[in-house]
Protein backbone atom coordinates (compact mmCIF):
# COMPACT_ATOMS: atom_id res chain seq x y z
CA MET A 1 23.90 71.58 47.75
CA PHE A 2 24.38 70.78 51.41
CA GLN A 3 27.75 72.50 51.26
CA ASP A 4 26.12 75.64 49.81
CA PHE A 5 23.57 75.59 52.62
CA LYS A 6 26.36 75.49 55.23
CA SER A 7 28.06 78.41 53.55
CA GLU A 8 24.85 80.40 53.62
CA ILE A 9 24.39 79.74 57.34
CA LYS A 10 27.99 80.74 58.04
CA LEU A 11 27.52 83.95 56.06
CA PHE A 12 24.29 84.70 57.91
CA LEU A 13 26.00 84.28 61.33
CA ILE A 14 28.82 86.58 60.34
CA VAL A 15 26.42 89.26 59.10
CA ALA A 16 24.34 88.92 62.30
CA PHE A 17 27.41 89.22 64.51
CA VAL A 18 28.56 92.36 62.68
CA ALA A 19 25.08 93.87 62.93
CA VAL A 20 24.95 93.25 66.70
CA ALA A 21 28.44 94.73 67.14
CA ILE A 22 27.45 97.84 65.17
CA SER A 23 24.24 98.20 67.18
CA VAL A 24 26.05 97.89 70.53
CA GLY A 25 28.72 100.30 69.35
CA GLY A 26 26.08 102.78 68.28
CA ILE A 27 24.28 102.56 71.61
CA LEU A 28 27.53 103.07 73.53
CA ALA A 29 28.47 105.99 71.29
CA MET A 30 25.07 107.63 71.82
CA GLN A 31 25.37 107.11 75.59
CA TYR A 32 28.88 108.61 75.53
CA ILE A 33 27.65 111.69 73.64
CA ARG A 34 24.63 112.08 75.92
CA ASP A 35 26.75 111.81 79.09
CA LEU A 36 29.31 114.17 77.63
CA ASN A 37 26.63 116.76 76.82
CA GLN A 38 25.10 116.40 80.28
CA ASN A 39 28.51 116.68 81.99
CA ARG A 40 28.09 113.32 83.65
CA PRO A 41 30.87 110.85 84.42
CA ILE A 42 31.49 108.49 81.54
CA ASP A 43 31.39 104.77 82.27
CA ILE A 44 34.06 102.92 80.36
CA PHE A 45 33.61 99.20 79.97
CA VAL A 46 36.53 97.25 81.46
CA PRO A 47 36.51 93.49 82.04
CA GLU A 48 35.94 92.68 85.71
CA PHE A 49 39.35 91.06 86.18
CA PHE A 50 41.23 94.11 84.90
CA GLU A 51 39.02 96.43 86.95
CA GLN A 52 39.97 94.53 90.11
CA GLN A 53 43.62 94.69 89.15
CA ARG A 54 43.36 98.44 88.56
CA LYS A 55 41.72 99.05 91.94
CA GLN A 56 44.30 96.91 93.70
CA GLN A 57 47.13 98.78 91.99
CA ILE A 58 45.66 102.15 93.01
CA GLN A 59 45.26 100.94 96.59
CA ASN A 60 48.83 99.62 96.71
CA GLU A 61 50.22 102.86 95.34
CA SER A 62 48.16 104.88 97.83
CA PHE A 63 48.98 102.98 101.00
CA THR A 64 52.40 101.40 100.69
CA ASN A 65 54.58 104.42 99.96
CA VAL A 66 54.80 105.46 103.62
CA ALA A 67 57.65 107.88 102.91
CA ASP A 68 55.16 110.26 101.26
CA TRP A 69 52.72 110.18 104.17
CA GLN A 70 52.26 113.00 106.65
CA THR A 71 53.40 112.65 110.27
CA TYR A 72 51.48 113.57 113.40
CA ARG A 73 53.67 114.00 116.50
CA ASN A 74 52.35 114.38 120.05
CA GLU A 75 55.01 115.60 122.49
CA GLU A 76 52.71 115.53 125.54
CA TYR A 77 51.99 111.81 125.25
CA GLY A 78 55.26 111.03 123.49
CA PHE A 79 54.20 109.30 120.27
CA GLU A 80 54.03 109.80 116.52
CA ILE A 81 52.14 108.18 113.66
CA LYS A 82 52.04 108.57 109.88
CA TYR A 83 48.86 108.85 107.80
CA PRO A 84 48.04 108.97 104.03
CA ASN A 85 47.43 112.24 102.24
CA ASN A 86 43.70 111.61 101.93
CA TYR A 87 43.48 111.92 105.73
CA PHE A 88 43.56 115.25 107.57
CA LEU A 89 43.74 116.63 111.12
CA SER A 90 40.42 117.86 112.47
CA GLY A 91 39.01 118.92 115.84
CA SER A 92 40.31 117.41 119.06
CA GLY A 93 37.00 115.80 119.93
CA SER A 94 35.92 115.71 123.56
CA GLY A 95 36.17 113.74 126.76
CA THR A 96 39.41 111.81 127.14
CA ASN A 97 40.77 112.53 123.65
CA VAL A 98 44.44 113.48 123.82
CA ALA A 99 45.08 114.51 120.21
CA PRO A 100 43.35 115.94 117.15
CA LEU A 101 41.25 113.50 115.16
CA ILE A 102 42.84 112.10 112.01
CA SER A 103 39.97 111.79 109.56
CA SER A 104 39.14 110.92 105.97
CA ASP A 105 35.84 110.97 104.10
CA TYR A 106 35.01 107.53 105.42
CA ALA A 107 36.94 106.94 108.66
CA THR A 108 38.31 108.56 111.83
CA LEU A 109 41.26 107.82 114.11
CA LEU A 110 40.86 108.79 117.77
CA PHE A 111 43.55 108.89 120.45
CA ARG A 112 42.30 108.63 124.03
CA ASP A 113 43.59 108.29 127.57
CA ALA A 114 42.13 104.92 128.46
CA GLN A 115 40.29 104.60 131.74
CA GLY A 116 39.30 101.30 133.34
CA LEU A 117 40.67 98.93 130.69
CA ASN A 118 39.80 95.27 131.19
CA SER A 119 42.94 93.71 129.70
CA SER A 120 41.55 90.18 130.06
CA GLN A 121 39.30 90.86 127.05
CA ALA A 122 42.23 91.86 124.81
CA LYS A 123 44.74 89.96 122.70
CA ASN A 124 48.47 90.60 123.08
CA ILE A 125 50.06 91.76 119.80
CA THR A 126 53.17 93.68 118.73
CA ILE A 127 53.02 96.74 116.46
CA ASN A 128 56.24 98.15 115.01
CA GLY A 129 58.17 96.52 117.86
CA THR A 130 55.85 97.92 120.55
CA PRO A 131 53.65 95.59 122.67
CA ALA A 132 49.92 96.37 122.43
CA LEU A 133 46.50 94.99 123.33
CA GLU A 134 44.01 94.34 120.52
CA MET A 135 40.26 94.37 121.14
CA SER A 136 37.78 92.33 119.12
CA LEU A 137 36.30 93.95 116.02
CA SER A 138 32.94 95.59 116.73
CA GLY A 139 30.23 97.67 115.06
CA ASN A 140 29.35 101.31 115.63
CA MET A 141 26.15 103.37 115.63
CA ASP A 142 26.63 104.37 111.96
CA GLY A 143 26.53 100.75 110.84
CA GLY A 144 30.29 100.73 110.26
CA ILE A 145 33.10 98.98 112.16
CA GLU A 146 35.43 99.86 115.03
CA TYR A 147 38.92 98.49 115.61
CA GLU A 148 40.76 99.38 118.81
CA VAL A 149 44.25 98.83 120.24
CA PHE A 150 45.86 99.95 123.51
CA PHE A 151 49.49 100.83 124.17
CA LYS A 152 50.96 100.93 127.67
CA SER A 153 51.89 104.54 128.42
CA THR A 154 53.43 106.06 131.53
CA LYS A 155 52.14 109.45 130.35
CA ALA A 156 48.51 108.38 130.16
CA LYS A 157 46.61 108.87 133.42
CA GLY A 158 44.80 105.59 132.91
CA GLY A 159 48.03 103.79 132.06
CA TYR A 160 47.10 103.14 128.41
CA LEU A 161 46.91 105.11 125.19
CA ASP A 162 43.81 104.03 123.26
CA VAL A 163 43.89 104.23 119.44
CA LEU A 164 40.48 103.70 117.82
CA PHE A 165 39.65 103.34 114.12
CA SER A 166 36.01 103.95 113.23
CA ALA A 167 34.60 103.50 109.72
CA LYS A 168 31.76 105.97 109.35
CA ARG A 169 29.42 103.99 107.13
CA LYS A 170 28.51 100.44 106.32
CA GLY A 171 30.42 99.00 103.40
CA TYR A 172 33.85 100.25 104.48
CA GLU A 173 34.91 97.07 106.25
CA ASN A 174 37.62 96.66 103.59
CA LYS A 175 39.36 99.73 105.04
CA LEU A 176 40.48 97.76 108.09
CA GLN A 177 43.74 96.81 106.38
CA GLU A 178 44.28 100.47 105.55
CA PHE A 179 44.09 101.32 109.25
CA LYS A 180 46.47 98.50 110.15
CA ASP A 181 48.93 99.93 107.60
CA ILE A 182 48.61 103.33 109.30
CA LEU A 183 48.96 101.76 112.73
CA SER A 184 52.15 99.97 111.67
CA THR A 185 53.86 103.40 111.63
CA PHE A 186 52.97 104.14 115.28
CA LYS A 187 55.91 104.54 117.64
CA PHE A 188 56.68 106.14 120.96
CA ILE A 189 59.16 109.01 120.80
CA PRO A 190 62.40 107.99 122.57
CA GLN A 191 62.53 109.93 125.82
CA GLU A 192 65.84 111.28 127.06
CA GLN A 193 66.12 109.81 130.54
CA ASP A 194 67.54 112.11 133.21
CA THR A 195 70.11 109.88 134.91
CA SER A 196 71.85 112.63 136.87
CA ALA A 197 70.43 111.29 140.17
CA TRP A 198 71.04 107.63 139.28
CA LEU A 199 73.64 105.52 141.02
CA THR A 200 76.63 104.02 139.17
CA HIS A 201 77.78 100.42 139.34
CA ARG A 202 81.34 99.96 138.11
CA THR A 203 83.58 96.92 137.63
CA GLY A 204 87.04 96.69 136.13
CA THR A 205 85.68 96.34 132.59
CA TYR A 206 82.28 98.06 132.46
CA GLU A 207 79.88 100.40 134.22
CA PHE A 208 76.18 101.25 134.13
CA LYS A 209 73.72 103.55 135.88
CA TYR A 210 70.49 102.59 137.62
CA PRO A 211 67.79 104.35 139.70
CA LYS A 212 67.84 103.99 143.48
CA ASP A 213 64.36 102.45 143.26
CA LEU A 214 61.44 102.25 140.83
CA GLY A 215 59.71 105.30 142.28
CA LEU A 216 56.46 103.33 142.65
CA SER A 217 54.35 102.36 145.66
CA TYR A 218 52.99 98.96 144.66
CA VAL A 219 55.48 97.68 142.07
CA ARG A 220 58.88 97.54 143.74
CA ALA A 221 62.37 96.26 143.03
CA HIS A 222 63.08 93.07 144.94
CA SER A 223 66.54 92.08 143.68
CA TRP A 224 68.37 95.38 143.23
CA PRO A 225 70.56 96.74 141.73
CA PRO A 226 70.29 94.65 138.56
CA THR A 227 73.06 92.18 137.85
CA ILE A 228 74.86 92.31 134.50
CA THR A 229 77.03 89.66 132.89
CA VAL A 230 79.09 89.91 129.71
CA THR A 231 79.86 86.88 127.53
CA PRO A 232 81.19 86.37 123.97
CA ALA A 233 78.41 86.37 121.38
CA GLY A 234 79.94 83.71 119.15
CA THR A 235 78.96 83.13 115.54
CA ASN A 236 75.77 81.16 116.24
CA PHE A 237 74.16 83.42 118.84
CA SER A 238 70.36 83.59 118.88
CA CYS A 239 67.67 84.48 121.42
CA GLY A 240 67.06 80.78 121.87
CA SER A 241 70.55 80.38 123.32
CA ILE A 242 69.80 82.70 126.26
CA GLN A 243 69.67 80.55 129.39
CA GLY A 244 66.75 80.62 131.83
CA PHE A 245 67.00 80.95 135.61
CA GLY A 246 67.76 77.36 136.49
CA ASN A 247 66.54 76.04 139.83
CA ARG A 248 66.27 79.58 141.25
CA VAL A 249 62.96 80.04 139.39
CA PRO A 250 61.52 76.56 138.73
CA LEU A 251 58.40 77.85 136.92
CA PRO A 252 58.19 77.81 133.10
CA HIS A 253 60.26 80.51 131.43
CA ILE A 254 58.80 82.62 128.64
CA LYS A 255 61.23 83.61 125.88
CA GLU A 256 60.47 86.42 123.47
CA GLN A 257 62.06 89.24 121.50
CA VAL A 258 61.14 92.92 121.92
CA VAL A 259 62.30 96.11 120.22
CA MET A 260 62.73 99.30 122.23
CA ASN A 261 63.82 102.55 120.59
CA GLY A 262 65.32 100.64 117.69
CA THR A 263 67.25 98.14 119.88
CA SER A 264 66.32 94.45 119.77
CA TYR A 265 66.39 92.58 123.10
CA CYS A 266 66.13 88.89 123.87
CA VAL A 267 63.88 88.47 126.92
CA VAL A 268 63.37 85.65 129.39
CA ARG A 269 60.76 86.10 132.13
CA ALA A 270 59.08 84.02 134.79
CA GLY A 271 56.87 84.67 137.81
CA GLU A 272 55.84 82.96 141.03
CA GLY A 273 53.52 83.95 143.85
CA ALA A 274 54.01 83.64 147.58
CA ALA A 275 51.97 85.02 150.51
CA GLY A 276 49.92 87.36 148.31
CA THR A 277 52.94 88.74 146.46
CA MET A 278 53.97 88.09 142.84
CA TYR A 279 57.73 87.90 142.18
CA GLU A 280 58.60 88.43 138.52
CA THR A 281 62.10 87.74 137.28
CA TYR A 282 63.33 89.35 134.05
CA LYS A 283 66.40 88.83 131.92
CA TYR A 284 67.20 91.20 129.01
CA ALA A 285 70.07 90.45 126.63
CA VAL A 286 71.53 92.58 123.83
CA VAL A 287 74.59 92.14 121.58
CA ARG A 288 77.24 94.87 121.42
CA ASP A 289 80.77 94.67 120.07
CA ASP A 290 80.46 90.89 119.59
CA ARG A 291 79.54 90.45 123.24
CA VAL A 292 76.23 89.56 124.89
CA ILE A 293 75.26 91.95 127.68
CA THR A 294 72.65 90.31 129.93
CA MET A 295 70.82 92.15 132.71
CA GLU A 296 68.67 90.42 135.33
CA PHE A 297 66.35 91.89 137.96
CA VAL A 298 63.31 90.95 140.07
CA VAL A 299 60.24 93.06 140.87
CA ARG A 300 57.43 92.32 143.29
CA SER A 301 53.82 93.47 143.39
CA PRO A 302 50.52 92.40 144.99
CA ILE A 303 48.91 89.41 143.32
CA SER A 304 45.51 91.06 143.74
CA CYS A 305 44.94 94.78 144.22
CA SER A 306 41.36 94.12 145.39
CA ASN A 307 42.64 93.13 148.85
CA TYR A 308 43.04 96.79 149.78
CA SER A 309 40.14 98.24 151.80
CA SER A 310 40.26 101.60 150.02
CA VAL A 311 38.82 101.84 146.51
CA SER A 312 41.31 104.58 145.59
CA GLU A 313 44.21 102.44 146.78
CA THR A 314 42.92 99.51 144.75
CA GLN A 315 42.72 101.71 141.66
CA LYS A 316 46.23 103.12 142.21
CA CYS A 317 47.62 99.63 142.66
CA GLN A 318 45.93 98.38 139.50
CA SER A 319 47.07 101.42 137.49
CA GLU A 320 50.70 100.97 138.59
CA LYS A 321 50.69 97.28 137.69
CA GLU A 322 49.20 97.94 134.26
CA ALA A 323 51.47 100.91 133.47
CA PHE A 324 54.75 99.32 134.62
CA ASN A 325 56.79 98.32 131.59
CA PRO A 326 59.90 96.26 132.40
CA ALA A 327 61.16 96.65 128.81
CA THR A 328 61.28 100.45 129.19
CA LEU A 329 63.19 100.11 132.46
CA ALA A 330 65.66 97.64 130.96
CA ASP A 331 66.20 99.81 127.89
CA GLN A 332 66.85 102.91 130.02
CA ILE A 333 69.40 101.13 132.20
CA LEU A 334 71.18 99.30 129.38
CA SER A 335 71.42 102.55 127.40
CA THR A 336 73.83 103.76 130.12
CA PHE A 337 75.98 100.63 129.93
CA ARG A 338 79.47 101.12 128.57
CA PHE A 339 82.69 99.21 128.56
CA ILE A 340 85.47 100.95 130.41
CA GLU A 341 87.80 101.69 127.56
CA THR A 342 91.59 101.55 127.75
CA PRO A 343 94.03 103.25 125.35
CA GLU A 344 95.26 99.89 124.09
CA GLY A 345 91.74 98.55 123.60
CA VAL A 346 90.69 101.67 121.67
CA LYS A 347 93.83 101.42 119.53
CA ASN A 348 92.83 97.88 118.52
CA LYS A 349 89.32 99.10 117.64
CA VAL A 350 90.66 101.97 115.52
CA THR A 351 93.10 99.63 113.78
CA ARG A 352 90.22 97.38 112.71
CA TYR A 353 88.11 100.38 111.74
CA LEU A 354 90.78 101.98 109.52
CA ALA A 355 91.49 98.65 107.85
CA ASN A 356 87.86 98.43 106.70
CA THR A 357 87.02 102.04 106.05
CA TYR A 358 87.37 104.29 103.03
CA ASP A 359 90.77 105.60 101.89
CA PHE A 360 91.70 109.19 102.76
CA GLY A 361 95.05 109.04 101.01
CA TYR A 362 97.70 106.41 101.47
CA GLU A 363 96.71 103.24 103.29
CA VAL A 364 97.57 102.90 106.97
CA GLU A 365 100.94 101.22 107.42
CA SER A 366 101.66 101.87 111.08
CA MET A 367 99.66 102.72 114.19
CA GLY A 368 101.01 105.36 116.52
CA GLU A 369 100.06 106.60 119.97
CA SER A 370 96.71 106.03 121.67
CA LYS A 371 95.73 108.18 124.64
CA GLN A 372 92.69 109.44 126.51
CA VAL A 373 92.12 113.17 126.17
CA GLU A 374 89.60 115.60 127.66
CA ASP A 375 85.82 115.52 127.29
CA LEU A 376 85.76 117.56 124.09
CA ASP A 377 82.04 117.51 123.30
CA GLY A 378 80.69 117.72 126.85
CA ASP A 379 78.86 114.37 126.84
CA GLY A 380 80.40 113.28 130.13
CA TYR A 381 82.96 110.89 128.59
CA GLU A 382 86.57 111.64 127.68
CA GLU A 383 87.44 110.95 124.05
CA PHE A 384 90.46 108.93 122.90
CA LEU A 385 92.97 110.11 120.28
CA VAL A 386 94.76 107.58 118.10
CA THR A 387 97.42 108.43 115.50
CA ALA A 388 98.38 106.46 112.39
CA SER A 389 100.26 107.01 109.14
CA GLY A 390 100.87 105.67 105.66
CA SER A 391 103.57 106.50 103.13
CA GLY A 392 104.04 106.42 99.39
CA GLY A 393 107.84 106.35 99.67
CA SER A 394 110.39 109.17 99.73
CA CYS A 395 109.09 110.69 96.50
CA PHE A 396 105.39 110.16 96.99
CA GLY A 397 104.65 111.96 100.28
CA GLY A 398 102.31 110.31 102.77
CA THR A 399 99.22 110.56 104.95
CA ASN A 400 98.94 111.32 108.65
CA TYR A 401 95.77 110.11 110.38
CA ARG A 402 94.18 111.38 113.58
CA VAL A 403 91.16 109.51 114.92
CA LEU A 404 88.96 110.59 117.82
CA TYR A 405 86.92 107.81 119.39
CA SER A 406 83.80 108.67 121.40
CA PRO A 407 83.11 106.03 124.10
CA LYS A 408 79.52 107.20 124.63
CA GLN A 409 78.56 107.27 120.94
CA GLN A 410 80.97 104.45 120.04
CA GLU A 411 81.75 106.49 116.95
CA TYR A 412 84.94 107.29 115.04
CA PHE A 413 85.82 110.82 113.87
CA VAL A 414 88.62 110.76 111.32
CA GLY A 415 90.92 113.53 110.12
CA ALA A 416 93.81 113.07 107.67
CA ARG A 417 96.46 115.25 106.09
CA SER A 418 98.00 114.04 102.83
CA ILE A 419 100.62 115.06 100.30
CA MET A 420 100.34 113.25 96.96
CA PRO A 421 101.19 113.76 93.30
CA SER A 422 97.51 114.59 92.70
CA LEU A 423 94.30 114.95 94.69
CA HIS A 424 93.13 111.51 95.71
CA ASN A 425 89.79 110.34 94.30
CA VAL A 426 87.79 110.97 97.46
CA ASN A 427 84.29 109.68 98.10
CA LYS A 428 82.27 112.82 98.78
CA GLU A 429 79.50 110.78 100.34
CA GLN A 430 81.83 109.72 103.14
CA MET A 431 84.28 112.60 103.56
CA PHE A 432 84.96 116.21 102.66
CA CYS A 433 88.36 117.62 101.73
CA THR A 434 90.17 120.96 101.46
CA ILE A 435 93.25 121.66 99.31
CA LEU A 436 95.87 123.45 101.39
CA GLU A 437 98.69 123.89 98.91
CA GLN A 438 99.77 122.96 95.38
CA GLY A 439 103.28 123.28 94.00
CA GLN A 440 106.35 121.74 92.43
CA ILE A 441 107.61 118.63 94.14
CA TRP A 442 111.31 118.34 94.98
CA GLU A 443 113.55 118.12 91.92
CA SER A 444 115.20 114.76 92.65
CA CYS A 445 111.86 112.98 92.32
CA LYS A 446 110.91 114.51 88.97
CA LEU A 447 107.21 114.07 89.69
CA GLY A 448 105.99 117.49 88.69
CA GLN A 449 103.07 118.88 90.72
CA TYR A 450 102.04 117.84 94.22
CA VAL A 451 98.88 118.52 96.24
CA GLU A 452 98.61 118.85 100.01
CA TYR A 453 95.13 118.54 101.46
CA THR A 454 93.10 117.59 104.53
CA CYS A 455 90.06 115.33 104.64
CA PHE A 456 87.52 114.71 107.40
CA SER A 457 84.81 112.11 107.84
CA ASN A 458 81.33 113.43 107.16
CA ASN A 459 80.19 113.02 110.76
CA LEU A 460 82.39 116.06 111.47
CA LYS A 461 80.19 118.24 109.26
CA GLU A 462 77.50 118.57 111.88
CA GLY A 463 77.46 121.72 114.00
CA GLU A 464 77.78 119.88 117.32
CA SER A 465 80.92 118.13 116.04
CA ALA A 466 82.72 121.41 115.26
CA VAL A 467 84.78 121.22 118.45
CA LEU A 468 86.02 117.73 117.46
CA LYS A 469 87.02 118.92 113.98
CA GLN A 470 88.91 121.88 115.44
CA TYR A 471 90.79 119.55 117.78
CA LEU A 472 91.78 117.25 114.91
CA GLU A 473 92.93 120.20 112.82
CA ARG A 474 95.25 121.31 115.61
CA THR A 475 96.76 117.85 116.03
CA LEU A 476 97.39 117.13 112.35
CA GLU A 477 101.07 117.79 111.74
CA LYS A 478 102.33 119.69 108.73
CA PHE A 479 104.72 117.77 106.51
């Protein structure tokens, strides 16, 4: 009897559960039909965990695929930044704004020429390899938030480019990460430095250009021209291995790494004051061709600009000190550095390059002549021409190589002329070829058809490289 009672209770619970499920289903169905008839959005029940996952996935898809974002480029102030497709360019604003606003339904990005920045209230950060100053998060008049960063800019009258993110309404604090994602795409446009008036320092193995002075009134070169040393990089090179200044500058040395225009530099800096003047010593090191190129220089400036009696002079002094960027100066000078190439040295480079590059025909078996020729592309540096060859034996033809080496670009331009039993399986992603002639190979070899063709490296496809390709075509000998 007790067992029957338990069964009845179990049956009652099952029936009750089914009834509740049917009732809830009916209510949801009626709500669905009512919302559908009234053209209202339909709420679909999703467990909270999965709803959070869905929102996170949508956010990730929206703000991580930077390649699909739009790009805003400002030539006047020399910068560019990417932004998602739900943002748009709007009016230029007013006051010190230097660019159109980049806005969405809930936020705005402003770009301003900063005036009177108090850098002591900011935190030093690095964004996409560029040093910046970050201000503390604050609120705005709409009840939202504001996040602000400053970039040193020689083109800004106030010395800084101010980038401000403002969320329009309360409740959009979670969009701060979105702005930081946008800001991570900010970069200054590399400026082509006019070095025509610069002086040239030359040794037996390298040369570089440098300005006569800094062109400033309050920040001046003290130890000038810069000194450059070249040492082997070794297999275990790191920024930590860069030496300081020894007893010459007894103060603590600050070591860091900066990126300028895509080039990573190891930096050591130190400063000391004397008689109202600050002397700052800088060392910038970069690795090229398995060698460490290290440049050192010293600049001096007033410790305090407030000592000047004129307010305008004080402001000019302060603006110069804030706008001066030693990393930009170092990058501009080191971009002119080049090793003085010799025919034998270039031949060794080309030998290593051909040994590790793709195959135009037969492999290189012997290196030929290496000589310096004229400045073919007008970049101010004479190119080098190196010849090489490979053979398949008396019945298999061969390949003649001609390689132009550009000292300024440190780039190889390859041309080859081959005769083979059949067209070699060329890699079209790395070269392009033209069949010159097909025919019957000499009878004693009994090899049937032969193909004669030329191939060129793809960097000779560009319009500005046409003169290099024409030169290689003239120098390739016919079999």
